[in-house]
Amino acid sequence: MDRYQRVEKPKAEIPINENEIRITTQGRMRNYITYATTLLQEKGSSEIVLKAMGRAINKTVMIAELIKRRIADLHQNTSIGSTDITDMWEPLEEGLLPLETTRHVSMITITLSKKELDVSSTG
């Protein structure tokens, strides 16, 4: 793959809800926790949704547990899934064809709520 460079595809902009927090591997845990507790305690939001993909999943679980310690009586619903991400690669040398690779990436969505959530849900 050293003869190829990845091409960034334009992403479809999906609006993010105010109570949705997308966690990345680069972000600081303290910032995520502070923002989440601010939403739940000061802004009057009744629930928050933590979303992550790939390597950020373990960080998301830790953040959810720390938020549950700081704010008592939170209800949690967790759902896991996966998605396919297709990467486009352009050749750096002449004579090579462009490549398209597909990765299977895990996802997690953790909903923390002050109100009781769906009891029939498996998460």
PDB file of N, CA and C in Angstrom:
ATOM      1  N   MET A   1       0.814  -1.195   0.000  1.00  0.00           N
ATOM      2  CA  MET A   1       0.000   0.000   0.000  1.00  0.00           C
ATOM      3  C   MET A   1       0.858   1.259   0.000  1.00  0.00           C
ATOM      4  N   ASP A   2       2.178   1.101   0.011  1.00  0.00           N
ATOM      5  CA  ASP A   2       3.029   2.292   0.006  1.00  0.00           C
ATOM      6  C   ASP A   2       3.055   2.973  -1.354  1.00  0.00           C
ATOM      7  N   ARG A   3       2.506   2.322  -2.370  1.00  0.00           N
ATOM      8  CA  ARG A   3       2.430   2.939  -3.699  1.00  0.00           C
ATOM      9  C   ARG A   3       1.089   3.627  -3.930  1.00  0.00           C
ATOM     10  N   TYR A   4       0.268   3.684  -2.895  1.00  0.00           N
ATOM     11  CA  TYR A   4      -1.059   4.288  -3.007  1.00  0.00           C
ATOM     12  C   TYR A   4      -1.241   5.362  -1.937  1.00  0.00           C
ATOM     13  N   GLN A   5      -2.128   6.289  -2.201  1.00  0.00           N
ATOM     14  CA  GLN A   5      -2.524   7.245  -1.174  1.00  0.00           C
ATOM     15  C   GLN A   5      -4.041   7.263  -1.089  1.00  0.00           C
ATOM     16  N   ARG A   6      -4.526   7.397   0.134  1.00  0.00           N
ATOM     17  CA  ARG A   6      -5.972   7.348   0.344  1.00  0.00           C
ATOM     18  C   ARG A   6      -6.612   8.656  -0.093  1.00  0.00           C
ATOM     19  N   VAL A   7      -7.778   8.539  -0.713  1.00  0.00           N
ATOM     20  CA  VAL A   7      -8.519   9.697  -1.184  1.00  0.00           C
ATOM     21  C   VAL A   7      -9.683   9.927  -0.233  1.00  0.00           C
ATOM     22  N   GLU A   8      -9.791  11.148   0.271  1.00  0.00           N
ATOM     23  CA  GLU A   8     -10.898  11.478   1.176  1.00  0.00           C
ATOM     24  C   GLU A   8     -12.168  11.680   0.370  1.00  0.00           C
ATOM     25  N   LYS A   9     -13.197  10.920   0.719  1.00  0.00           N
ATOM     26  CA  LYS A   9     -14.481  11.079   0.061  1.00  0.00           C
ATOM     27  C   LYS A   9     -15.294  12.118   0.824  1.00  0.00           C
ATOM     28  N   PRO A  10     -16.059  12.939   0.131  1.00  0.00           N
ATOM     29  CA  PRO A  10     -16.925  13.884   0.853  1.00  0.00           C
ATOM     30  C   PRO A  10     -18.010  13.128   1.615  1.00  0.00           C
ATOM     31  N   LYS A  11     -18.172  13.477   2.887  1.00  0.00           N
ATOM     32  CA  LYS A  11     -19.140  12.794   3.741  1.00  0.00           C
ATOM     33  C   LYS A  11     -20.468  13.532   3.690  1.00  0.00           C
ATOM     34  N   ALA A  12     -21.541  12.779   3.741  1.00  0.00           N
ATOM     35  CA  ALA A  12     -22.866  13.380   3.824  1.00  0.00           C
ATOM     36  C   ALA A  12     -23.045  13.920   5.237  1.00  0.00           C
ATOM     37  N   GLU A  13     -23.287  15.209   5.351  1.00  0.00           N
ATOM     38  CA  GLU A  13     -23.432  15.833   6.654  1.00  0.00           C
ATOM     39  C   GLU A  13     -24.783  15.493   7.267  1.00  0.00           C
ATOM     40  N   ILE A  14     -24.741  14.724   8.330  1.00  0.00           N
ATOM     41  CA  ILE A  14     -25.947  14.372   9.059  1.00  0.00           C
ATOM     42  C   ILE A  14     -25.970  15.243  10.309  1.00  0.00           C
ATOM     43  N   PRO A  15     -27.041  15.994  10.525  1.00  0.00           N
ATOM     44  CA  PRO A  15     -27.062  16.865  11.702  1.00  0.00           C
ATOM     45  C   PRO A  15     -27.032  16.055  13.002  1.00  0.00           C
ATOM     46  N   ILE A  16     -26.308  16.585  13.986  1.00  0.00           N
ATOM     47  CA  ILE A  16     -26.154  15.928  15.272  1.00  0.00           C
ATOM     48  C   ILE A  16     -27.107  16.600  16.267  1.00  0.00           C
ATOM     49  N   ASN A  17     -27.853  15.801  17.009  1.00  0.00           N
ATOM     50  CA  ASN A  17     -28.729  16.345  18.044  1.00  0.00           C
ATOM     51  C   ASN A  17     -27.889  16.973  19.149  1.00  0.00           C
ATOM     52  N   GLU A  18     -28.492  17.895  19.892  1.00  0.00           N
ATOM     53  CA  GLU A  18     -27.763  18.565  20.965  1.00  0.00           C
ATOM     54  C   GLU A  18     -27.360  17.598  22.072  1.00  0.00           C
ATOM     55  N   ASN A  19     -28.170  16.566  22.285  1.00  0.00           N
ATOM     56  CA  ASN A  19     -27.869  15.625  23.360  1.00  0.00           C
ATOM     57  C   ASN A  19     -27.027  14.441  22.892  1.00  0.00           C
ATOM     58  N   GLU A  20     -26.549  14.467  21.651  1.00  0.00           N
ATOM     59  CA  GLU A  20     -25.720  13.387  21.118  1.00  0.00           C
ATOM     60  C   GLU A  20     -24.249  13.774  21.197  1.00  0.00           C
ATOM     61  N   ILE A  21     -23.438  12.876  21.741  1.00  0.00           N
ATOM     62  CA  ILE A  21     -22.002  13.112  21.869  1.00  0.00           C
ATOM     63  C   ILE A  21     -21.281  12.027  21.094  1.00  0.00           C
ATOM     64  N   ARG A  22     -20.530  12.419  20.079  1.00  0.00           N
ATOM     65  CA  ARG A  22     -19.750  11.466  19.284  1.00  0.00           C
ATOM     66  C   ARG A  22     -18.324  11.451  19.825  1.00  0.00           C
ATOM     67  N   ILE A  23     -17.911  10.300  20.294  1.00  0.00           N
ATOM     68  CA  ILE A  23     -16.623  10.172  20.965  1.00  0.00           C
ATOM     69  C   ILE A  23     -15.579   9.632  19.990  1.00  0.00           C
ATOM     70  N   THR A  24     -14.422  10.276  19.983  1.00  0.00           N
ATOM     71  CA  THR A  24     -13.322   9.873  19.107  1.00  0.00           C
ATOM     72  C   THR A  24     -12.125   9.461  19.959  1.00  0.00           C
ATOM     73  N   THR A  25     -11.150   8.868  19.314  1.00  0.00           N
ATOM     74  CA  THR A  25      -9.953   8.451  20.046  1.00  0.00           C
ATOM     75  C   THR A  25      -9.090   9.649  20.438  1.00  0.00           C
ATOM     76  N   GLN A  26      -9.178  10.755  19.687  1.00  0.00           N
ATOM     77  CA  GLN A  26      -8.354  11.926  19.971  1.00  0.00           C
ATOM     78  C   GLN A  26      -8.906  12.797  21.089  1.00  0.00           C
ATOM     79  N   GLY A  27     -10.227  12.786  21.287  1.00  0.00           N
ATOM     80  CA  GLY A  27     -10.848  13.669  22.271  1.00  0.00           C
ATOM     81  C   GLY A  27     -10.441  13.327  23.696  1.00  0.00           C
ATOM     82  N   ARG A  28     -10.492  14.339  24.580  1.00  0.00           N
ATOM     83  CA  ARG A  28     -10.125  14.132  25.983  1.00  0.00           C
ATOM     84  C   ARG A  28     -11.336  13.684  26.778  1.00  0.00           C
ATOM     85  N   MET A  29     -11.137  12.666  27.616  1.00  0.00           N
ATOM     86  CA  MET A  29     -12.238  12.113  28.412  1.00  0.00           C
ATOM     87  C   MET A  29     -12.854  13.172  29.316  1.00  0.00           C
ATOM     88  N   ARG A  30     -12.028  14.005  29.912  1.00  0.00           N
ATOM     89  CA  ARG A  30     -12.513  15.035  30.829  1.00  0.00           C
ATOM     90  C   ARG A  30     -13.502  15.968  30.125  1.00  0.00           C
ATOM     91  N   ASN A  31     -13.209  16.334  28.887  1.00  0.00           N
ATOM     92  CA  ASN A  31     -14.100  17.224  28.141  1.00  0.00           C
ATOM     93  C   ASN A  31     -15.442  16.566  27.856  1.00  0.00           C
ATOM     94  N   TYR A  32     -15.425  15.290  27.479  1.00  0.00           N
ATOM     95  CA  TYR A  32     -16.674  14.575  27.214  1.00  0.00           C
ATOM     96  C   TYR A  32     -17.525  14.465  28.478  1.00  0.00           C
ATOM     97  N   ILE A  33     -16.880  14.133  29.594  1.00  0.00           N
ATOM     98  CA  ILE A  33     -17.608  13.969  30.852  1.00  0.00           C
ATOM     99  C   ILE A  33     -18.189  15.300  31.316  1.00  0.00           C
ATOM    100  N   THR A  34     -17.406  16.371  31.212  1.00  0.00           N
ATOM    101  CA  THR A  34     -17.884  17.689  31.618  1.00  0.00           C
ATOM    102  C   THR A  34     -19.075  18.127  30.767  1.00  0.00           C
ATOM    103  N   TYR A  35     -18.978  17.917  29.467  1.00  0.00           N
ATOM    104  CA  TYR A  35     -20.073  18.302  28.572  1.00  0.00           C
ATOM    105  C   TYR A  35     -21.335  17.495  28.873  1.00  0.00           C
ATOM    106  N   ALA A  36     -21.187  16.201  29.099  1.00  0.00           N
ATOM    107  CA  ALA A  36     -22.331  15.334  29.372  1.00  0.00           C
ATOM    108  C   ALA A  36     -23.004  15.709  30.693  1.00  0.00           C
ATOM    109  N   THR A  37     -22.219  15.947  31.740  1.00  0.00           N
ATOM    110  CA  THR A  37     -22.817  16.323  33.027  1.00  0.00           C
ATOM    111  C   THR A  37     -23.465  17.702  32.950  1.00  0.00           C
ATOM    112  N   THR A  38     -22.904  18.605  32.162  1.00  0.00           N
ATOM    113  CA  THR A  38     -23.517  19.920  31.960  1.00  0.00           C
ATOM    114  C   THR A  38     -24.871  19.778  31.278  1.00  0.00           C
ATOM    115  N   LEU A  39     -24.938  18.923  30.260  1.00  0.00           N
ATOM    116  CA  LEU A  39     -26.212  18.704  29.568  1.00  0.00           C
ATOM    117  C   LEU A  39     -27.268  18.149  30.522  1.00  0.00           C
ATOM    118  N   LEU A  40     -26.890  17.173  31.336  1.00  0.00           N
ATOM    119  CA  LEU A  40     -27.855  16.513  32.216  1.00  0.00           C
ATOM    120  C   LEU A  40     -28.260  17.359  33.417  1.00  0.00           C
ATOM    121  N   GLN A  41     -27.326  18.133  33.974  1.00  0.00           N
ATOM    122  CA  GLN A  41     -27.617  18.849  35.207  1.00  0.00           C
ATOM    123  C   GLN A  41     -28.035  20.299  34.977  1.00  0.00           C
ATOM    124  N   GLU A  42     -27.338  21.020  34.112  1.00  0.00           N
ATOM    125  CA  GLU A  42     -27.594  22.451  33.977  1.00  0.00           C
ATOM    126  C   GLU A  42     -28.527  22.797  32.818  1.00  0.00           C
ATOM    127  N   LYS A  43     -28.391  22.113  31.704  1.00  0.00           N
ATOM    128  CA  LYS A  43     -29.208  22.442  30.538  1.00  0.00           C
ATOM    129  C   LYS A  43     -30.577  21.786  30.571  1.00  0.00           C
ATOM    130  N   GLY A  44     -30.804  20.901  31.523  1.00  0.00           N
ATOM    131  CA  GLY A  44     -32.118  20.297  31.690  1.00  0.00           C
ATOM    132  C   GLY A  44     -32.439  19.192  30.703  1.00  0.00           C
ATOM    133  N   SER A  45     -31.438  18.638  30.061  1.00  0.00           N
ATOM    134  CA  SER A  45     -31.671  17.535  29.134  1.00  0.00           C
ATOM    135  C   SER A  45     -31.993  16.276  29.939  1.00  0.00           C
ATOM    136  N   SER A  46     -32.990  15.518  29.493  1.00  0.00           N
ATOM    137  CA  SER A  46     -33.370  14.328  30.253  1.00  0.00           C
ATOM    138  C   SER A  46     -32.563  13.101  29.862  1.00  0.00           C
ATOM    139  N   GLU A  47     -31.914  13.142  28.674  1.00  0.00           N
ATOM    140  CA  GLU A  47     -31.085  12.013  28.273  1.00  0.00           C
ATOM    141  C   GLU A  47     -29.967  12.465  27.357  1.00  0.00           C
ATOM    142  N   ILE A  48     -28.887  11.686  27.355  1.00  0.00           N
ATOM    143  CA  ILE A  48     -27.773  11.921  26.433  1.00  0.00           C
ATOM    144  C   ILE A  48     -27.472  10.618  25.714  1.00  0.00           C
ATOM    145  N   VAL A  49     -26.885  10.749  24.521  1.00  0.00           N
ATOM    146  CA  VAL A  49     -26.540   9.586  23.714  1.00  0.00           C
ATOM    147  C   VAL A  49     -25.047   9.671  23.390  1.00  0.00           C
ATOM    148  N   LEU A  50     -24.306   8.647  23.802  1.00  0.00           N
ATOM    149  CA  LEU A  50     -22.878   8.555  23.505  1.00  0.00           C
ATOM    150  C   LEU A  50     -22.693   7.595  22.339  1.00  0.00           C
ATOM    151  N   LYS A  51     -22.009   8.045  21.280  1.00  0.00           N
ATOM    152  CA  LYS A  51     -21.786   7.187  20.113  1.00  0.00           C
ATOM    153  C   LYS A  51     -20.304   7.111  19.807  1.00  0.00           C
ATOM    154  N   ALA A  52     -19.856   5.910  19.393  1.00  0.00           N
ATOM    155  CA  ALA A  52     -18.454   5.727  19.039  1.00  0.00           C
ATOM    156  C   ALA A  52     -18.318   4.579  18.056  1.00  0.00           C
ATOM    157  N   MET A  53     -17.175   4.590  17.352  1.00  0.00           N
ATOM    158  CA  MET A  53     -16.854   3.533  16.394  1.00  0.00           C
ATOM    159  C   MET A  53     -15.423   3.072  16.624  1.00  0.00           C
ATOM    160  N   GLY A  54     -15.170   1.806  16.354  1.00  0.00           N
ATOM    161  CA  GLY A  54     -13.808   1.271  16.351  1.00  0.00           C
ATOM    162  C   GLY A  54     -13.099   1.362  17.682  1.00  0.00           C
ATOM    163  N   ARG A  55     -11.909   1.974  17.661  1.00  0.00           N
ATOM    164  CA  ARG A  55     -11.056   2.021  18.847  1.00  0.00           C
ATOM    165  C   ARG A  55     -11.585   2.925  19.953  1.00  0.00           C
ATOM    166  N   ALA A  56     -12.549   3.763  19.655  1.00  0.00           N
ATOM    167  CA  ALA A  56     -13.095   4.678  20.666  1.00  0.00           C
ATOM    168  C   ALA A  56     -14.154   4.011  21.536  1.00  0.00           C
ATOM    169  N   ILE A  57     -14.490   2.754  21.261  1.00  0.00           N
ATOM    170  CA  ILE A  57     -15.564   2.081  22.002  1.00  0.00           C
ATOM    171  C   ILE A  57     -15.195   1.910  23.476  1.00  0.00           C
ATOM    172  N   ASN A  58     -13.977   1.471  23.779  1.00  0.00           N
ATOM    173  CA  ASN A  58     -13.607   1.265  25.182  1.00  0.00           C
ATOM    174  C   ASN A  58     -13.596   2.584  25.948  1.00  0.00           C
ATOM    175  N   LYS A  59     -13.208   3.668  25.302  1.00  0.00           N
ATOM    176  CA  LYS A  59     -13.238   4.981  25.935  1.00  0.00           C
ATOM    177  C   LYS A  59     -14.678   5.393  26.227  1.00  0.00           C
ATOM    178  N   THR A  60     -15.592   5.072  25.331  1.00  0.00           N
ATOM    179  CA  THR A  60     -17.001   5.424  25.501  1.00  0.00           C
ATOM    180  C   THR A  60     -17.605   4.700  26.694  1.00  0.00           C
ATOM    181  N   VAL A  61     -17.269   3.429  26.866  1.00  0.00           N
ATOM    182  CA  VAL A  61     -17.772   2.660  28.003  1.00  0.00           C
ATOM    183  C   VAL A  61     -17.248   3.251  29.307  1.00  0.00           C
ATOM    184  N   MET A  62     -15.977   3.626  29.346  1.00  0.00           N
ATOM    185  CA  MET A  62     -15.401   4.231  30.549  1.00  0.00           C
ATOM    186  C   MET A  62     -16.082   5.563  30.862  1.00  0.00           C
ATOM    187  N   ILE A  63     -16.337   6.366  29.838  1.00  0.00           N
ATOM    188  CA  ILE A  63     -16.994   7.656  30.040  1.00  0.00           C
ATOM    189  C   ILE A  63     -18.401   7.458  30.596  1.00  0.00           C
ATOM    190  N   ALA A  64     -19.136   6.499  30.047  1.00  0.00           N
ATOM    191  CA  ALA A  64     -20.494   6.236  30.529  1.00  0.00           C
ATOM    192  C   ALA A  64     -20.481   5.819  31.997  1.00  0.00           C
ATOM    193  N   GLU A  65     -19.538   4.969  32.383  1.00  0.00           N
ATOM    194  CA  GLU A  65     -19.462   4.526  33.769  1.00  0.00           C
ATOM    195  C   GLU A  65     -19.102   5.678  34.707  1.00  0.00           C
ATOM    196  N   LEU A  66     -18.215   6.558  34.284  1.00  0.00           N
ATOM    197  CA  LEU A  66     -17.842   7.704  35.118  1.00  0.00           C
ATOM    198  C   LEU A  66     -19.005   8.685  35.259  1.00  0.00           C
ATOM    199  N   ILE A  67     -19.774   8.881  34.202  1.00  0.00           N
ATOM    200  CA  ILE A  67     -20.947   9.757  34.275  1.00  0.00           C
ATOM    201  C   ILE A  67     -21.979   9.164  35.235  1.00  0.00           C
ATOM    202  N   LYS A  68     -22.158   7.838  35.187  1.00  0.00           N
ATOM    203  CA  LYS A  68     -23.119   7.187  36.080  1.00  0.00           C
ATOM    204  C   LYS A  68     -22.690   7.300  37.549  1.00  0.00           C
ATOM    205  N   ARG A  69     -21.396   7.378  37.798  1.00  0.00           N
ATOM    206  CA  ARG A  69     -20.919   7.571  39.175  1.00  0.00           C
ATOM    207  C   ARG A  69     -21.180   8.992  39.649  1.00  0.00           C
ATOM    208  N   ARG A  70     -21.029   9.960  38.752  1.00  0.00           N
ATOM    209  CA  ARG A  70     -21.212  11.366  39.133  1.00  0.00           C
ATOM    210  C   ARG A  70     -22.678  11.735  39.299  1.00  0.00           C
ATOM    211  N   ILE A  71     -23.542  11.168  38.482  1.00  0.00           N
ATOM    212  CA  ILE A  71     -24.963  11.501  38.528  1.00  0.00           C
ATOM    213  C   ILE A  71     -25.718  10.231  38.920  1.00  0.00           C
ATOM    214  N   ALA A  72     -26.400  10.307  40.052  1.00  0.00           N
ATOM    215  CA  ALA A  72     -27.109   9.135  40.563  1.00  0.00           C
ATOM    216  C   ALA A  72     -28.411   8.903  39.806  1.00  0.00           C
ATOM    217  N   ASP A  73     -28.895   7.673  39.852  1.00  0.00           N
ATOM    218  CA  ASP A  73     -30.194   7.263  39.306  1.00  0.00           C
ATOM    219  C   ASP A  73     -30.318   7.472  37.801  1.00  0.00           C
ATOM    220  N   LEU A  74     -29.269   7.170  37.053  1.00  0.00           N
ATOM    221  CA  LEU A  74     -29.348   7.210  35.588  1.00  0.00           C
ATOM    222  C   LEU A  74     -29.692   5.816  35.073  1.00  0.00           C
ATOM    223  N   HIS A  75     -30.496   5.772  34.033  1.00  0.00           N
ATOM    224  CA  HIS A  75     -30.830   4.513  33.378  1.00  0.00           C
ATOM    225  C   HIS A  75     -29.987   4.418  32.106  1.00  0.00           C
ATOM    226  N   GLN A  76     -29.576   3.198  31.769  1.00  0.00           N
ATOM    227  CA  GLN A  76     -28.687   3.003  30.621  1.00  0.00           C
ATOM    228  C   GLN A  76     -29.282   1.997  29.656  1.00  0.00           C
ATOM    229  N   ASN A  77     -29.124   2.297  28.365  1.00  0.00           N
ATOM    230  CA  ASN A  77     -29.490   1.365  27.307  1.00  0.00           C
ATOM    231  C   ASN A  77     -28.326   1.344  26.323  1.00  0.00           C
ATOM    232  N   THR A  78     -27.796   0.173  26.040  1.00  0.00           N
ATOM    233  CA  THR A  78     -26.630   0.041  25.171  1.00  0.00           C
ATOM    234  C   THR A  78     -26.990  -0.785  23.947  1.00  0.00           C
ATOM    235  N   SER A  79     -26.584  -0.289  22.782  1.00  0.00           N
ATOM    236  CA  SER A  79     -26.775  -1.078  21.568  1.00  0.00           C
ATOM    237  C   SER A  79     -25.456  -1.110  20.803  1.00  0.00           C
ATOM    238  N   ILE A  80     -25.154  -2.291  20.257  1.00  0.00           N
ATOM    239  CA  ILE A  80     -23.935  -2.451  19.486  1.00  0.00           C
ATOM    240  C   ILE A  80     -24.305  -2.852  18.065  1.00  0.00           C
ATOM    241  N   GLY A  81     -23.407  -2.560  17.152  1.00  0.00           N
ATOM    242  CA  GLY A  81     -23.645  -2.905  15.757  1.00  0.00           C
ATOM    243  C   GLY A  81     -22.353  -2.773  14.980  1.00  0.00           C
ATOM    244  N   SER A  82     -22.469  -2.809  13.681  1.00  0.00           N
ATOM    245  CA  SER A  82     -21.286  -2.641  12.838  1.00  0.00           C
ATOM    246  C   SER A  82     -21.704  -1.991  11.524  1.00  0.00           C
ATOM    247  N   THR A  83     -20.722  -1.434  10.852  1.00  0.00           N
ATOM    248  CA  THR A  83     -20.963  -0.801   9.567  1.00  0.00           C
ATOM    249  C   THR A  83     -19.760  -1.057   8.664  1.00  0.00           C
ATOM    250  N   ASP A  84     -19.984  -0.971   7.374  1.00  0.00           N
ATOM    251  CA  ASP A  84     -18.897  -1.133   6.409  1.00  0.00           C
ATOM    252  C   ASP A  84     -18.457   0.238   5.923  1.00  0.00           C
ATOM    253  N   ILE A  85     -17.150   0.473   5.941  1.00  0.00           N
ATOM    254  CA  ILE A  85     -16.578   1.727   5.458  1.00  0.00           C
ATOM    255  C   ILE A  85     -15.712   1.403   4.254  1.00  0.00           C
ATOM    256  N   THR A  86     -15.958   2.095   3.150  1.00  0.00           N
ATOM    257  CA  THR A  86     -15.202   1.865   1.925  1.00  0.00           C
ATOM    258  C   THR A  86     -14.182   2.982   1.751  1.00  0.00           C
ATOM    259  N   ASP A  87     -12.917   2.609   1.569  1.00  0.00           N
ATOM    260  CA  ASP A  87     -11.829   3.564   1.342  1.00  0.00           C
ATOM    261  C   ASP A  87     -11.393   3.491  -0.111  1.00  0.00           C
ATOM    262  N   MET A  88     -11.153   4.660  -0.696  1.00  0.00           N
ATOM    263  CA  MET A  88     -10.651   4.748  -2.068  1.00  0.00           C
ATOM    264  C   MET A  88      -9.155   5.058  -2.018  1.00  0.00           C
ATOM    265  N   TRP A  89      -8.380   4.357  -2.834  1.00  0.00           N
ATOM    266  CA  TRP A  89      -6.932   4.538  -2.894  1.00  0.00           C
ATOM    267  C   TRP A  89      -6.527   4.847  -4.328  1.00  0.00           C
ATOM    268  N   GLU A  90      -5.752   5.928  -4.505  1.00  0.00           N
ATOM    269  CA  GLU A  90      -5.237   6.299  -5.824  1.00  0.00           C
ATOM    270  C   GLU A  90      -3.768   5.903  -5.905  1.00  0.00           C
ATOM    271  N   PRO A  91      -3.342   5.390  -7.078  1.00  0.00           N
ATOM    272  CA  PRO A  91      -1.936   4.995  -7.214  1.00  0.00           C
ATOM    273  C   PRO A  91      -1.013   6.208  -7.308  1.00  0.00           C
ATOM    274  N   LEU A  92       0.184   6.077  -6.750  1.00  0.00           N
ATOM    275  CA  LEU A  92       1.202   7.117  -6.855  1.00  0.00           C
ATOM    276  C   LEU A  92       2.097   6.881  -8.078  1.00  0.00           C
ATOM    277  N   GLU A  93       2.119   5.637  -8.560  1.00  0.00           N
ATOM    278  CA  GLU A  93       2.926   5.299  -9.728  1.00  0.00           C
ATOM    279  C   GLU A  93       2.016   5.057 -10.928  1.00  0.00           C
ATOM    280  N   GLU A  94       2.566   5.276 -12.096  1.00  0.00           N
ATOM    281  CA  GLU A  94       1.794   5.057 -13.317  1.00  0.00           C
ATOM    282  C   GLU A  94       1.669   3.561 -13.595  1.00  0.00           C
ATOM    283  N   GLY A  95       0.552   3.164 -14.156  1.00  0.00           N
ATOM    284  CA  GLY A  95       0.339   1.771 -14.516  1.00  0.00           C
ATOM    285  C   GLY A  95      -0.454   0.979 -13.487  1.00  0.00           C
ATOM    286  N   LEU A  96      -0.668   1.541 -12.318  1.00  0.00           N
ATOM    287  CA  LEU A  96      -1.449   0.854 -11.288  1.00  0.00           C
ATOM    288  C   LEU A  96      -2.903   1.328 -11.345  1.00  0.00           C
ATOM    289  N   LEU A  97      -3.801   0.445 -10.980  1.00  0.00           N
ATOM    290  CA  LEU A  97      -5.225   0.780 -10.987  1.00  0.00           C
ATOM    291  C   LEU A  97      -5.657   1.307  -9.613  1.00  0.00           C
ATOM    292  N   PRO A  98      -6.676   2.178  -9.578  1.00  0.00           N
ATOM    293  CA  PRO A  98      -7.199   2.625  -8.281  1.00  0.00           C
ATOM    294  C   PRO A  98      -7.808   1.451  -7.513  1.00  0.00           C
ATOM    295  N   LEU A  99      -7.668   1.481  -6.196  1.00  0.00           N
ATOM    296  CA  LEU A  99      -8.181   0.402  -5.343  1.00  0.00           C
ATOM    297  C   LEU A  99      -9.340   0.898  -4.495  1.00  0.00           C
ATOM    298  N   GLU A 100     -10.180  -0.053  -4.122  1.00  0.00           N
ATOM    299  CA  GLU A 100     -11.282   0.228  -3.216  1.00  0.00           C
ATOM    300  C   GLU A 100     -11.279  -0.872  -2.157  1.00  0.00           C
ATOM    301  N   THR A 101     -11.110  -0.487  -0.874  1.00  0.00           N
ATOM    302  CA  THR A 101     -11.097  -1.468   0.195  1.00  0.00           C
ATOM    303  C   THR A 101     -12.282  -1.218   1.122  1.00  0.00           C
ATOM    304  N   THR A 102     -12.798  -2.297   1.687  1.00  0.00           N
ATOM    305  CA  THR A 102     -13.932  -2.196   2.603  1.00  0.00           C
ATOM    306  C   THR A 102     -13.516  -2.716   3.969  1.00  0.00           C
ATOM    307  N   ARG A 103     -13.794  -1.900   4.997  1.00  0.00           N
ATOM    308  CA  ARG A 103     -13.491  -2.276   6.379  1.00  0.00           C
ATOM    309  C   ARG A 103     -14.799  -2.500   7.125  1.00  0.00           C
ATOM    310  N   HIS A 104     -14.800  -3.470   8.013  1.00  0.00           N
ATOM    311  CA  HIS A 104     -15.951  -3.771   8.860  1.00  0.00           C
ATOM    312  C   HIS A 104     -15.660  -3.150  10.226  1.00  0.00           C
ATOM    313  N   VAL A 105     -16.394  -2.100  10.621  1.00  0.00           N
ATOM    314  CA  VAL A 105     -16.098  -1.355  11.838  1.00  0.00           C
ATOM    315  C   VAL A 105     -17.242  -1.509  12.845  1.00  0.00           C
ATOM    316  N   SER A 106     -16.896  -1.790  14.103  1.00  0.00           N
ATOM    317  CA  SER A 106     -17.887  -1.929  15.170  1.00  0.00           C
ATOM    318  C   SER A 106     -18.356  -0.560  15.646  1.00  0.00           C
ATOM    319  N   MET A 107     -19.609  -0.510  16.126  1.00  0.00           N
ATOM    320  CA  MET A 107     -20.190   0.726  16.641  1.00  0.00           C
ATOM    321  C   MET A 107     -20.867   0.442  17.975  1.00  0.00           C
ATOM    322  N   ILE A 108     -20.958   1.482  18.824  1.00  0.00           N
ATOM    323  CA  ILE A 108     -21.705   1.369  20.079  1.00  0.00           C
ATOM    324  C   ILE A 108     -22.491   2.654  20.291  1.00  0.00           C
ATOM    325  N   THR A 109     -23.676   2.502  20.834  1.00  0.00           N
ATOM    326  CA  THR A 109     -24.518   3.637  21.198  1.00  0.00           C
ATOM    327  C   THR A 109     -24.998   3.406  22.620  1.00  0.00           C
ATOM    328  N   ILE A 110     -24.633   4.323  23.525  1.00  0.00           N
ATOM    329  CA  ILE A 110     -25.042   4.226  24.929  1.00  0.00           C
ATOM    330  C   ILE A 110     -25.959   5.401  25.231  1.00  0.00           C
ATOM    331  N   THR A 111     -27.178   5.092  25.665  1.00  0.00           N
ATOM    332  CA  THR A 111     -28.135   6.124  26.041  1.00  0.00           C
ATOM    333  C   THR A 111     -28.232   6.154  27.559  1.00  0.00           C
ATOM    334  N   LEU A 112     -27.966   7.332  28.133  1.00  0.00           N
ATOM    335  CA  LEU A 112     -28.100   7.532  29.576  1.00  0.00           C
ATOM    336  C   LEU A 112     -29.265   8.491  29.799  1.00  0.00           C
ATOM    337  N   SER A 113     -30.211   8.090  30.653  1.00  0.00           N
ATOM    338  CA  SER A 113     -31.417   8.883  30.822  1.00  0.00           C
ATOM    339  C   SER A 113     -31.803   8.990  32.290  1.00  0.00           C
ATOM    340  N   LYS A 114     -32.430  10.128  32.632  1.00  0.00           N
ATOM    341  CA  LYS A 114     -32.962  10.298  33.976  1.00  0.00           C
ATOM    342  C   LYS A 114     -34.277   9.545  34.118  1.00  0.00           C
ATOM    343  N   LYS A 115     -34.993   9.392  33.013  1.00  0.00           N
ATOM    344  CA  LYS A 115     -36.258   8.665  33.010  1.00  0.00           C
ATOM    345  C   LYS A 115     -35.979   7.195  32.703  1.00  0.00           C
ATOM    346  N   GLU A 116     -36.902   6.339  33.089  1.00  0.00           N
ATOM    347  CA  GLU A 116     -36.737   4.920  32.817  1.00  0.00           C
ATOM    348  C   GLU A 116     -36.855   4.670  31.324  1.00  0.00           C
ATOM    349  N   LEU A 117     -35.954   3.859  30.784  1.00  0.00           N
ATOM    350  CA  LEU A 117     -35.930   3.564  29.358  1.00  0.00           C
ATOM    351  C   LEU A 117     -36.715   2.288  29.076  1.00  0.00           C
ATOM    352  N   ASP A 118     -36.763   1.918  27.816  1.00  0.00           N
ATOM    353  CA  ASP A 118     -37.505   0.738  27.356  1.00  0.00           C
ATOM    354  C   ASP A 118     -37.009  -0.524  28.071  1.00  0.00           C
ATOM    355  N   VAL A 119     -37.859  -1.126  28.867  1.00  0.00           N
ATOM    356  CA  VAL A 119     -37.484  -2.293  29.666  1.00  0.00           C
ATOM    357  C   VAL A 119     -37.345  -3.531  28.783  1.00  0.00           C
ATOM    358  N   SER A 120     -38.067  -3.597  27.657  1.00  0.00           N
ATOM    359  CA  SER A 120     -38.007  -4.778  26.797  1.00  0.00           C
ATOM    360  C   SER A 120     -36.741  -4.822  25.956  1.00  0.00           C
ATOM    361  N   SER A 121     -35.960  -3.745  25.930  1.00  0.00           N
ATOM    362  CA  SER A 121     -34.735  -3.714  25.145  1.00  0.00           C
ATOM    363  C   SER A 121     -33.698  -4.645  25.764  1.00  0.00           C
ATOM    364  N   THR A 122     -32.910  -5.294  24.908  1.00  0.00           N
ATOM    365  CA  THR A 122     -31.897  -6.227  25.398  1.00  0.00           C
ATOM    366  C   THR A 122     -30.734  -5.512  26.066  1.00  0.00           C
ATOM    367  N   GLY A 123     -30.486  -4.260  25.714  1.00  0.00           N
ATOM    368  CA  GLY A 123     -29.359  -3.526  26.269  1.00  0.00           C
ATOM    369  C   GLY A 123     -29.714  -2.863  27.556  1.00  0.00           C
TER     370      GLY A 123
END
